[in-house]
Amino acid sequence: MKSDNEWKSDREYLSLVKDLLAKPEVQKLANYTQHHHSNRLQHCISVSFDSYRIAKRLHLDYRSTARAGLLHDLFYYDWRTTKFDLGTHAFIHPRVALRNAEKLTPLNAKERDIILKHMFGATLAVPRYPESLIVSLVDDYEAEHEFFGPLRKRVRREVALIKAKA
């Protein structure tokens, strides 16, 4: 299992996203709970770093993947309580994130597609690029990992106690 801070020692990854990580608008994501046991900044970094590693391994555009992965949830509201008249959070927040990301940094077509289509499966927005699909799938994986991680740890501890007693 990877360390939650492994990204901090990957110099190439850091060189691709350090300008974004330095922005107060990105750091502000730490103030929002994402999947009960993580904050939005931790989630975005995990999605960005894991997607970057997969894209790099597959000889894809890992720069766009890392940068857009970091910005894919760039919104500032609690998605559990904020409701929209125009659609669900799954439909709305990629558009909000894209608008916010475009205010921070120039985006290429691939980065825009990654951010806009990262909810593929929950929405019908089909990714145009393999990098977009990677971020969408990694986002799902990280959400599950963040939500169920504490439960998995508790179950492992209880199983270990049962084995120790046997």
N, C-alpha and C. Protein backbone atom coordinates (compact mmCIF):
# COMPACT_ATOMS: atom_id res chain seq x y z
N MET A 1 0.84 -1.19 0.00
CA MET A 1 0.00 0.00 0.00
C MET A 1 0.88 1.24 0.00
N LYS A 2 0.48 2.24 -0.77
CA LYS A 2 1.28 3.45 -0.88
C LYS A 2 1.09 4.35 0.34
N SER A 3 2.09 5.13 0.63
CA SER A 3 2.01 6.13 1.69
C SER A 3 1.19 7.31 1.20
N ASP A 4 0.45 7.93 2.12
CA ASP A 4 -0.34 9.11 1.76
C ASP A 4 0.54 10.30 1.41
N ASN A 5 1.80 10.24 1.76
CA ASN A 5 2.72 11.35 1.48
C ASN A 5 3.79 11.01 0.46
N GLU A 6 3.64 9.90 -0.23
CA GLU A 6 4.62 9.47 -1.24
C GLU A 6 4.83 10.53 -2.31
N TRP A 7 3.79 11.26 -2.64
CA TRP A 7 3.86 12.30 -3.66
C TRP A 7 4.88 13.38 -3.32
N LYS A 8 5.10 13.61 -2.04
CA LYS A 8 6.02 14.67 -1.61
C LYS A 8 7.47 14.39 -1.99
N SER A 9 7.80 13.13 -2.23
CA SER A 9 9.18 12.78 -2.57
C SER A 9 9.37 12.52 -4.07
N ASP A 10 8.35 12.71 -4.85
CA ASP A 10 8.46 12.53 -6.30
C ASP A 10 8.74 13.89 -6.93
N ARG A 11 10.00 14.14 -7.21
CA ARG A 11 10.42 15.46 -7.70
C ARG A 11 9.77 15.84 -9.02
N GLU A 12 9.64 14.88 -9.92
CA GLU A 12 9.03 15.19 -11.21
C GLU A 12 7.57 15.59 -11.03
N TYR A 13 6.84 14.82 -10.22
CA TYR A 13 5.44 15.16 -9.96
C TYR A 13 5.34 16.57 -9.36
N LEU A 14 6.16 16.85 -8.36
CA LEU A 14 6.13 18.16 -7.71
C LEU A 14 6.44 19.28 -8.70
N SER A 15 7.37 19.03 -9.62
CA SER A 15 7.70 20.08 -10.60
C SER A 15 6.50 20.40 -11.50
N LEU A 16 5.60 19.45 -11.69
CA LEU A 16 4.44 19.65 -12.55
C LEU A 16 3.30 20.39 -11.85
N VAL A 17 3.22 20.26 -10.52
CA VAL A 17 2.05 20.81 -9.81
C VAL A 17 2.40 21.84 -8.74
N LYS A 18 3.69 22.11 -8.52
CA LYS A 18 4.05 23.00 -7.40
C LYS A 18 3.43 24.39 -7.52
N ASP A 19 3.31 24.91 -8.73
CA ASP A 19 2.70 26.24 -8.89
C ASP A 19 1.24 26.21 -8.47
N LEU A 20 0.54 25.12 -8.75
CA LEU A 20 -0.86 25.00 -8.36
C LEU A 20 -0.99 24.80 -6.85
N LEU A 21 -0.13 23.95 -6.29
CA LEU A 21 -0.17 23.71 -4.85
C LEU A 21 0.12 24.97 -4.04
N ALA A 22 0.85 25.90 -4.63
CA ALA A 22 1.20 27.14 -3.93
C ALA A 22 0.04 28.14 -3.92
N LYS A 23 -0.96 27.91 -4.71
CA LYS A 23 -2.07 28.87 -4.81
C LYS A 23 -3.02 28.74 -3.62
N PRO A 24 -3.39 29.86 -3.00
CA PRO A 24 -4.34 29.82 -1.87
C PRO A 24 -5.67 29.16 -2.24
N GLU A 25 -6.10 29.33 -3.48
CA GLU A 25 -7.36 28.73 -3.92
C GLU A 25 -7.31 27.20 -3.87
N VAL A 26 -6.15 26.63 -4.11
CA VAL A 26 -5.99 25.18 -4.02
C VAL A 26 -5.83 24.78 -2.55
N GLN A 27 -5.03 25.49 -1.80
CA GLN A 27 -4.83 25.18 -0.38
C GLN A 27 -6.14 25.26 0.41
N LYS A 28 -7.04 26.13 -0.02
CA LYS A 28 -8.33 26.31 0.65
C LYS A 28 -9.17 25.02 0.62
N LEU A 29 -8.87 24.11 -0.30
CA LEU A 29 -9.59 22.84 -0.38
C LEU A 29 -9.43 22.02 0.89
N ALA A 30 -8.37 22.26 1.65
CA ALA A 30 -8.14 21.53 2.90
C ALA A 30 -9.23 21.84 3.94
N ASN A 31 -9.99 22.89 3.73
CA ASN A 31 -11.04 23.29 4.68
C ASN A 31 -12.36 22.54 4.46
N TYR A 32 -12.41 21.67 3.46
CA TYR A 32 -13.66 20.99 3.11
C TYR A 32 -13.51 19.49 3.24
N THR A 33 -14.41 18.87 3.98
CA THR A 33 -14.44 17.41 4.08
C THR A 33 -14.87 16.86 2.74
N GLN A 34 -14.22 15.79 2.30
CA GLN A 34 -14.56 15.21 1.01
C GLN A 34 -15.35 13.92 1.19
N HIS A 35 -14.71 12.85 1.60
CA HIS A 35 -15.39 11.57 1.75
C HIS A 35 -15.34 11.10 3.20
N HIS A 36 -15.83 11.93 4.07
CA HIS A 36 -15.97 11.70 5.51
C HIS A 36 -14.65 11.61 6.26
N HIS A 37 -13.65 10.95 5.71
CA HIS A 37 -12.40 10.73 6.42
C HIS A 37 -11.22 11.41 5.75
N SER A 38 -11.48 12.33 4.84
CA SER A 38 -10.41 13.06 4.17
C SER A 38 -10.90 14.46 3.85
N ASN A 39 -9.96 15.34 3.57
CA ASN A 39 -10.39 16.65 3.10
C ASN A 39 -10.21 16.70 1.58
N ARG A 40 -10.79 17.73 0.98
CA ARG A 40 -10.80 17.81 -0.48
C ARG A 40 -9.39 17.95 -1.06
N LEU A 41 -8.51 18.66 -0.37
CA LEU A 41 -7.14 18.79 -0.88
C LEU A 41 -6.43 17.44 -0.88
N GLN A 42 -6.54 16.69 0.21
CA GLN A 42 -5.93 15.35 0.25
C GLN A 42 -6.48 14.49 -0.88
N HIS A 43 -7.78 14.55 -1.07
CA HIS A 43 -8.41 13.76 -2.13
C HIS A 43 -7.86 14.15 -3.50
N CYS A 44 -7.80 15.45 -3.78
CA CYS A 44 -7.32 15.91 -5.09
C CYS A 44 -5.87 15.53 -5.33
N ILE A 45 -5.05 15.62 -4.30
CA ILE A 45 -3.65 15.21 -4.43
C ILE A 45 -3.56 13.71 -4.71
N SER A 46 -4.33 12.92 -4.01
CA SER A 46 -4.30 11.47 -4.23
C SER A 46 -4.73 11.11 -5.65
N VAL A 47 -5.81 11.73 -6.12
CA VAL A 47 -6.27 11.47 -7.49
C VAL A 47 -5.21 11.92 -8.48
N SER A 48 -4.66 13.09 -8.27
CA SER A 48 -3.65 13.64 -9.17
C SER A 48 -2.41 12.75 -9.22
N PHE A 49 -1.87 12.39 -8.07
CA PHE A 49 -0.63 11.63 -8.03
C PHE A 49 -0.80 10.22 -8.59
N ASP A 50 -1.86 9.54 -8.18
CA ASP A 50 -2.06 8.17 -8.68
C ASP A 50 -2.35 8.17 -10.18
N SER A 51 -3.13 9.15 -10.65
CA SER A 51 -3.41 9.25 -12.08
C SER A 51 -2.14 9.57 -12.87
N TYR A 52 -1.33 10.47 -12.34
CA TYR A 52 -0.04 10.81 -12.94
C TYR A 52 0.82 9.56 -13.11
N ARG A 53 0.90 8.75 -12.06
CA ARG A 53 1.75 7.54 -12.12
C ARG A 53 1.24 6.55 -13.17
N ILE A 54 -0.08 6.39 -13.27
CA ILE A 54 -0.64 5.49 -14.27
C ILE A 54 -0.39 6.04 -15.67
N ALA A 55 -0.67 7.32 -15.88
CA ALA A 55 -0.47 7.92 -17.21
C ALA A 55 1.00 7.84 -17.62
N LYS A 56 1.89 8.06 -16.69
CA LYS A 56 3.33 7.99 -16.99
C LYS A 56 3.71 6.56 -17.39
N ARG A 57 3.21 5.59 -16.66
CA ARG A 57 3.51 4.18 -16.96
C ARG A 57 2.98 3.78 -18.33
N LEU A 58 1.87 4.40 -18.73
CA LEU A 58 1.26 4.09 -20.03
C LEU A 58 1.74 4.99 -21.16
N HIS A 59 2.74 5.83 -20.87
CA HIS A 59 3.33 6.75 -21.85
C HIS A 59 2.29 7.72 -22.41
N LEU A 60 1.42 8.21 -21.53
CA LEU A 60 0.41 9.18 -21.90
C LEU A 60 0.85 10.57 -21.41
N ASP A 61 -0.01 11.53 -21.54
CA ASP A 61 0.29 12.91 -21.15
C ASP A 61 0.14 13.04 -19.63
N TYR A 62 1.20 12.67 -18.91
CA TYR A 62 1.12 12.68 -17.46
C TYR A 62 1.15 14.08 -16.86
N ARG A 63 1.66 15.05 -17.61
CA ARG A 63 1.64 16.44 -17.12
C ARG A 63 0.20 16.95 -17.02
N SER A 64 -0.56 16.83 -18.10
CA SER A 64 -1.96 17.26 -18.08
C SER A 64 -2.76 16.45 -17.07
N THR A 65 -2.45 15.18 -16.96
CA THR A 65 -3.16 14.31 -16.02
C THR A 65 -2.93 14.76 -14.59
N ALA A 66 -1.68 15.04 -14.24
CA ALA A 66 -1.36 15.48 -12.87
C ALA A 66 -2.03 16.81 -12.55
N ARG A 67 -1.92 17.76 -13.46
CA ARG A 67 -2.45 19.10 -13.21
C ARG A 67 -3.98 19.10 -13.15
N ALA A 68 -4.63 18.48 -14.11
CA ALA A 68 -6.09 18.44 -14.09
C ALA A 68 -6.61 17.57 -12.95
N GLY A 69 -5.89 16.50 -12.64
CA GLY A 69 -6.28 15.68 -11.49
C GLY A 69 -6.30 16.49 -10.21
N LEU A 70 -5.34 17.37 -10.06
CA LEU A 70 -5.29 18.21 -8.87
C LEU A 70 -6.44 19.20 -8.82
N LEU A 71 -6.92 19.62 -9.98
CA LEU A 71 -7.96 20.65 -10.06
C LEU A 71 -9.38 20.09 -10.25
N HIS A 72 -9.51 18.78 -10.33
CA HIS A 72 -10.80 18.20 -10.73
C HIS A 72 -11.95 18.49 -9.76
N ASP A 73 -11.66 18.72 -8.50
CA ASP A 73 -12.70 19.04 -7.51
C ASP A 73 -12.47 20.42 -6.90
N LEU A 74 -12.15 21.38 -7.71
CA LEU A 74 -11.86 22.74 -7.25
C LEU A 74 -13.18 23.51 -7.08
N PHE A 75 -13.88 23.19 -6.00
CA PHE A 75 -15.12 23.88 -5.67
C PHE A 75 -15.15 24.06 -4.15
N TYR A 76 -15.95 25.02 -3.70
CA TYR A 76 -15.88 25.45 -2.30
C TYR A 76 -17.25 25.41 -1.63
N TYR A 77 -17.86 24.27 -1.61
CA TYR A 77 -19.11 24.09 -0.87
C TYR A 77 -19.17 22.65 -0.39
N ASP A 78 -20.02 22.39 0.58
CA ASP A 78 -20.22 21.04 1.09
C ASP A 78 -21.24 20.35 0.19
N TRP A 79 -20.79 19.38 -0.56
CA TRP A 79 -21.65 18.74 -1.55
C TRP A 79 -22.77 17.92 -0.92
N ARG A 80 -22.68 17.62 0.39
CA ARG A 80 -23.74 16.87 1.03
C ARG A 80 -24.94 17.76 1.37
N THR A 81 -24.70 19.06 1.54
CA THR A 81 -25.79 19.95 1.94
C THR A 81 -26.20 20.95 0.86
N THR A 82 -25.32 21.33 -0.02
CA THR A 82 -25.63 22.30 -1.07
C THR A 82 -26.35 21.59 -2.22
N LYS A 83 -27.51 22.10 -2.57
CA LYS A 83 -28.30 21.51 -3.66
C LYS A 83 -28.49 22.55 -4.77
N PHE A 84 -28.61 22.07 -5.99
CA PHE A 84 -28.74 22.95 -7.15
C PHE A 84 -30.05 22.69 -7.88
N ASP A 85 -30.63 23.75 -8.44
CA ASP A 85 -31.85 23.61 -9.23
C ASP A 85 -31.56 23.02 -10.61
N LEU A 86 -30.33 23.21 -11.10
CA LEU A 86 -30.00 22.81 -12.47
C LEU A 86 -29.53 21.36 -12.61
N GLY A 87 -29.38 20.64 -11.51
CA GLY A 87 -28.93 19.26 -11.61
C GLY A 87 -28.25 18.80 -10.33
N THR A 88 -27.79 17.57 -10.36
CA THR A 88 -27.14 16.98 -9.20
C THR A 88 -25.72 17.50 -9.04
N HIS A 89 -25.16 17.27 -7.88
CA HIS A 89 -23.76 17.63 -7.63
C HIS A 89 -22.85 16.96 -8.66
N ALA A 90 -23.11 15.69 -8.97
CA ALA A 90 -22.27 14.97 -9.94
C ALA A 90 -22.26 15.67 -11.30
N PHE A 91 -23.35 16.28 -11.66
CA PHE A 91 -23.46 16.98 -12.93
C PHE A 91 -22.89 18.40 -12.85
N ILE A 92 -23.13 19.09 -11.75
CA ILE A 92 -22.78 20.51 -11.62
C ILE A 92 -21.31 20.74 -11.25
N HIS A 93 -20.78 19.99 -10.29
CA HIS A 93 -19.46 20.37 -9.75
C HIS A 93 -18.31 20.29 -10.76
N PRO A 94 -18.32 19.41 -11.76
CA PRO A 94 -17.23 19.48 -12.74
C PRO A 94 -17.21 20.82 -13.49
N ARG A 95 -18.37 21.37 -13.75
CA ARG A 95 -18.44 22.68 -14.43
C ARG A 95 -17.94 23.80 -13.52
N VAL A 96 -18.31 23.71 -12.24
CA VAL A 96 -17.83 24.70 -11.27
C VAL A 96 -16.31 24.59 -11.13
N ALA A 97 -15.80 23.36 -11.02
CA ALA A 97 -14.36 23.14 -10.90
C ALA A 97 -13.62 23.66 -12.13
N LEU A 98 -14.17 23.41 -13.31
CA LEU A 98 -13.53 23.89 -14.54
C LEU A 98 -13.49 25.42 -14.56
N ARG A 99 -14.58 26.06 -14.21
CA ARG A 99 -14.61 27.52 -14.19
C ARG A 99 -13.57 28.06 -13.20
N ASN A 100 -13.49 27.45 -12.01
CA ASN A 100 -12.52 27.88 -11.02
C ASN A 100 -11.08 27.64 -11.48
N ALA A 101 -10.84 26.49 -12.11
CA ALA A 101 -9.50 26.16 -12.60
C ALA A 101 -9.05 27.13 -13.68
N GLU A 102 -9.98 27.50 -14.57
CA GLU A 102 -9.64 28.44 -15.64
C GLU A 102 -9.27 29.82 -15.11
N LYS A 103 -9.73 30.14 -13.92
CA LYS A 103 -9.35 31.41 -13.29
C LYS A 103 -7.94 31.36 -12.71
N LEU A 104 -7.46 30.15 -12.43
CA LEU A 104 -6.15 29.97 -11.78
C LEU A 104 -5.00 29.84 -12.76
N THR A 105 -5.25 29.15 -13.87
CA THR A 105 -4.16 28.78 -14.77
C THR A 105 -4.70 28.50 -16.16
N PRO A 106 -3.91 28.73 -17.19
CA PRO A 106 -4.35 28.33 -18.53
C PRO A 106 -4.47 26.80 -18.59
N LEU A 107 -5.52 26.34 -19.25
CA LEU A 107 -5.75 24.90 -19.39
C LEU A 107 -5.75 24.53 -20.87
N ASN A 108 -5.18 23.37 -21.18
CA ASN A 108 -5.27 22.87 -22.55
C ASN A 108 -6.57 22.07 -22.70
N ALA A 109 -6.87 21.64 -23.91
CA ALA A 109 -8.11 20.91 -24.18
C ALA A 109 -8.21 19.63 -23.37
N LYS A 110 -7.11 18.94 -23.21
CA LYS A 110 -7.11 17.68 -22.46
C LYS A 110 -7.40 17.94 -20.99
N GLU A 111 -6.79 18.96 -20.42
CA GLU A 111 -7.03 19.29 -19.01
C GLU A 111 -8.50 19.67 -18.78
N ARG A 112 -9.06 20.43 -19.71
CA ARG A 112 -10.48 20.80 -19.60
C ARG A 112 -11.36 19.54 -19.65
N ASP A 113 -11.05 18.64 -20.55
CA ASP A 113 -11.83 17.40 -20.67
C ASP A 113 -11.70 16.55 -19.41
N ILE A 114 -10.50 16.46 -18.87
CA ILE A 114 -10.28 15.68 -17.64
C ILE A 114 -11.16 16.21 -16.52
N ILE A 115 -11.15 17.52 -16.31
CA ILE A 115 -11.93 18.11 -15.22
C ILE A 115 -13.42 17.94 -15.49
N LEU A 116 -13.84 18.24 -16.69
CA LEU A 116 -15.27 18.21 -17.02
C LEU A 116 -15.86 16.81 -17.03
N LYS A 117 -15.06 15.80 -17.37
CA LYS A 117 -15.59 14.44 -17.54
C LYS A 117 -15.21 13.48 -16.41
N HIS A 118 -14.67 14.01 -15.30
CA HIS A 118 -14.17 13.11 -14.26
C HIS A 118 -15.28 12.35 -13.53
N MET A 119 -16.53 12.69 -13.77
CA MET A 119 -17.65 11.97 -13.14
C MET A 119 -18.29 10.97 -14.10
N PHE A 120 -17.55 10.57 -15.13
CA PHE A 120 -18.06 9.60 -16.09
C PHE A 120 -18.54 8.35 -15.35
N GLY A 121 -19.70 7.91 -15.71
CA GLY A 121 -20.33 6.78 -15.02
C GLY A 121 -21.49 7.30 -14.18
N ALA A 122 -21.21 8.32 -13.38
CA ALA A 122 -22.28 8.99 -12.63
C ALA A 122 -23.01 9.97 -13.55
N THR A 123 -22.31 10.40 -14.60
CA THR A 123 -22.92 11.26 -15.63
C THR A 123 -22.67 10.60 -16.99
N LEU A 124 -23.28 11.13 -18.00
CA LEU A 124 -23.10 10.59 -19.35
C LEU A 124 -22.02 11.32 -20.14
N ALA A 125 -21.22 12.15 -19.47
CA ALA A 125 -20.15 12.90 -20.13
C ALA A 125 -18.99 11.95 -20.43
N VAL A 126 -18.91 11.48 -21.67
CA VAL A 126 -17.93 10.48 -22.07
C VAL A 126 -16.56 11.13 -22.26
N PRO A 127 -15.52 10.60 -21.59
CA PRO A 127 -14.17 11.15 -21.75
C PRO A 127 -13.69 11.06 -23.19
N ARG A 128 -13.03 12.12 -23.64
CA ARG A 128 -12.49 12.15 -25.00
C ARG A 128 -11.08 11.55 -25.05
N TYR A 129 -10.36 11.58 -23.95
CA TYR A 129 -8.96 11.15 -23.90
C TYR A 129 -8.79 10.02 -22.88
N PRO A 130 -7.80 9.16 -23.10
CA PRO A 130 -7.53 8.12 -22.11
C PRO A 130 -7.17 8.72 -20.74
N GLU A 131 -6.51 9.86 -20.74
CA GLU A 131 -6.15 10.52 -19.48
C GLU A 131 -7.39 10.91 -18.69
N SER A 132 -8.45 11.30 -19.39
CA SER A 132 -9.71 11.66 -18.72
C SER A 132 -10.33 10.43 -18.06
N LEU A 133 -10.27 9.31 -18.75
CA LEU A 133 -10.80 8.07 -18.19
C LEU A 133 -9.99 7.64 -16.97
N ILE A 134 -8.68 7.78 -17.04
CA ILE A 134 -7.82 7.43 -15.91
C ILE A 134 -8.22 8.24 -14.68
N VAL A 135 -8.34 9.55 -14.82
CA VAL A 135 -8.70 10.39 -13.67
C VAL A 135 -10.08 10.01 -13.14
N SER A 136 -11.02 9.73 -14.02
CA SER A 136 -12.36 9.33 -13.59
C SER A 136 -12.32 8.05 -12.77
N LEU A 137 -11.58 7.05 -13.25
CA LEU A 137 -11.49 5.77 -12.54
C LEU A 137 -10.72 5.90 -11.23
N VAL A 138 -9.63 6.66 -11.25
CA VAL A 138 -8.85 6.86 -10.02
C VAL A 138 -9.67 7.65 -9.00
N ASP A 139 -10.44 8.62 -9.46
CA ASP A 139 -11.31 9.38 -8.57
C ASP A 139 -12.28 8.43 -7.85
N ASP A 140 -12.87 7.50 -8.57
CA ASP A 140 -13.78 6.52 -7.96
C ASP A 140 -13.03 5.66 -6.94
N TYR A 141 -11.85 5.18 -7.32
CA TYR A 141 -11.05 4.35 -6.42
C TYR A 141 -10.71 5.12 -5.14
N GLU A 142 -10.24 6.35 -5.29
CA GLU A 142 -9.84 7.14 -4.12
C GLU A 142 -11.04 7.43 -3.22
N ALA A 143 -12.19 7.70 -3.81
CA ALA A 143 -13.39 7.96 -3.01
C ALA A 143 -13.73 6.74 -2.16
N GLU A 144 -13.70 5.57 -2.76
CA GLU A 144 -13.97 4.33 -2.02
C GLU A 144 -12.91 4.12 -0.94
N HIS A 145 -11.67 4.31 -1.28
CA HIS A 145 -10.55 4.12 -0.35
C HIS A 145 -10.69 5.07 0.85
N GLU A 146 -11.00 6.33 0.57
CA GLU A 146 -11.13 7.32 1.64
C GLU A 146 -12.34 7.03 2.53
N PHE A 147 -13.44 6.65 1.92
CA PHE A 147 -14.66 6.42 2.68
C PHE A 147 -14.56 5.15 3.54
N PHE A 148 -14.08 4.06 2.95
CA PHE A 148 -14.07 2.78 3.64
C PHE A 148 -12.76 2.46 4.34
N GLY A 149 -11.72 3.26 4.16
CA GLY A 149 -10.41 3.00 4.77
C GLY A 149 -10.46 2.76 6.26
N PRO A 150 -11.08 3.64 7.04
CA PRO A 150 -11.14 3.42 8.49
C PRO A 150 -11.87 2.14 8.88
N LEU A 151 -12.91 1.79 8.14
CA LEU A 151 -13.63 0.55 8.41
C LEU A 151 -12.73 -0.65 8.14
N ARG A 152 -12.01 -0.62 7.04
CA ARG A 152 -11.08 -1.73 6.72
C ARG A 152 -10.04 -1.91 7.82
N LYS A 153 -9.49 -0.80 8.33
CA LYS A 153 -8.49 -0.87 9.41
C LYS A 153 -9.09 -1.51 10.66
N ARG A 154 -10.32 -1.10 11.00
CA ARG A 154 -10.98 -1.65 12.19
C ARG A 154 -11.23 -3.15 12.03
N VAL A 155 -11.68 -3.57 10.86
CA VAL A 155 -11.93 -4.99 10.61
C VAL A 155 -10.62 -5.78 10.71
N ARG A 156 -9.53 -5.23 10.13
CA ARG A 156 -8.23 -5.92 10.22
C ARG A 156 -7.78 -6.09 11.67
N ARG A 157 -7.97 -5.04 12.48
CA ARG A 157 -7.59 -5.12 13.90
C ARG A 157 -8.41 -6.19 14.62
N GLU A 158 -9.71 -6.22 14.34
CA GLU A 158 -10.56 -7.20 15.00
C GLU A 158 -10.23 -8.61 14.56
N VAL A 159 -9.93 -8.80 13.30
CA VAL A 159 -9.53 -10.13 12.81
C VAL A 159 -8.22 -10.55 13.45
N ALA A 160 -7.29 -9.61 13.58
CA ALA A 160 -6.01 -9.93 14.24
C ALA A 160 -6.22 -10.31 15.70
N LEU A 161 -7.12 -9.64 16.38
CA LEU A 161 -7.42 -9.99 17.78
C LEU A 161 -8.03 -11.37 17.88
N ILE A 162 -8.93 -11.70 16.95
CA ILE A 162 -9.56 -13.02 16.94
C ILE A 162 -8.51 -14.10 16.70
N LYS A 163 -7.61 -13.85 15.75
CA LYS A 163 -6.54 -14.82 15.44
C LYS A 163 -5.59 -14.98 16.65
N ALA A 164 -5.32 -13.89 17.32
CA ALA A 164 -4.41 -13.95 18.47
C ALA A 164 -5.02 -14.75 19.61
N LYS A 165 -6.33 -14.69 19.75
CA LYS A 165 -7.01 -15.44 20.81
C LYS A 165 -7.13 -16.92 20.47
N ALA A 166 -7.09 -17.25 19.19
CA ALA A 166 -7.30 -18.63 18.76
C ALA A 166 -6.09 -19.50 18.98
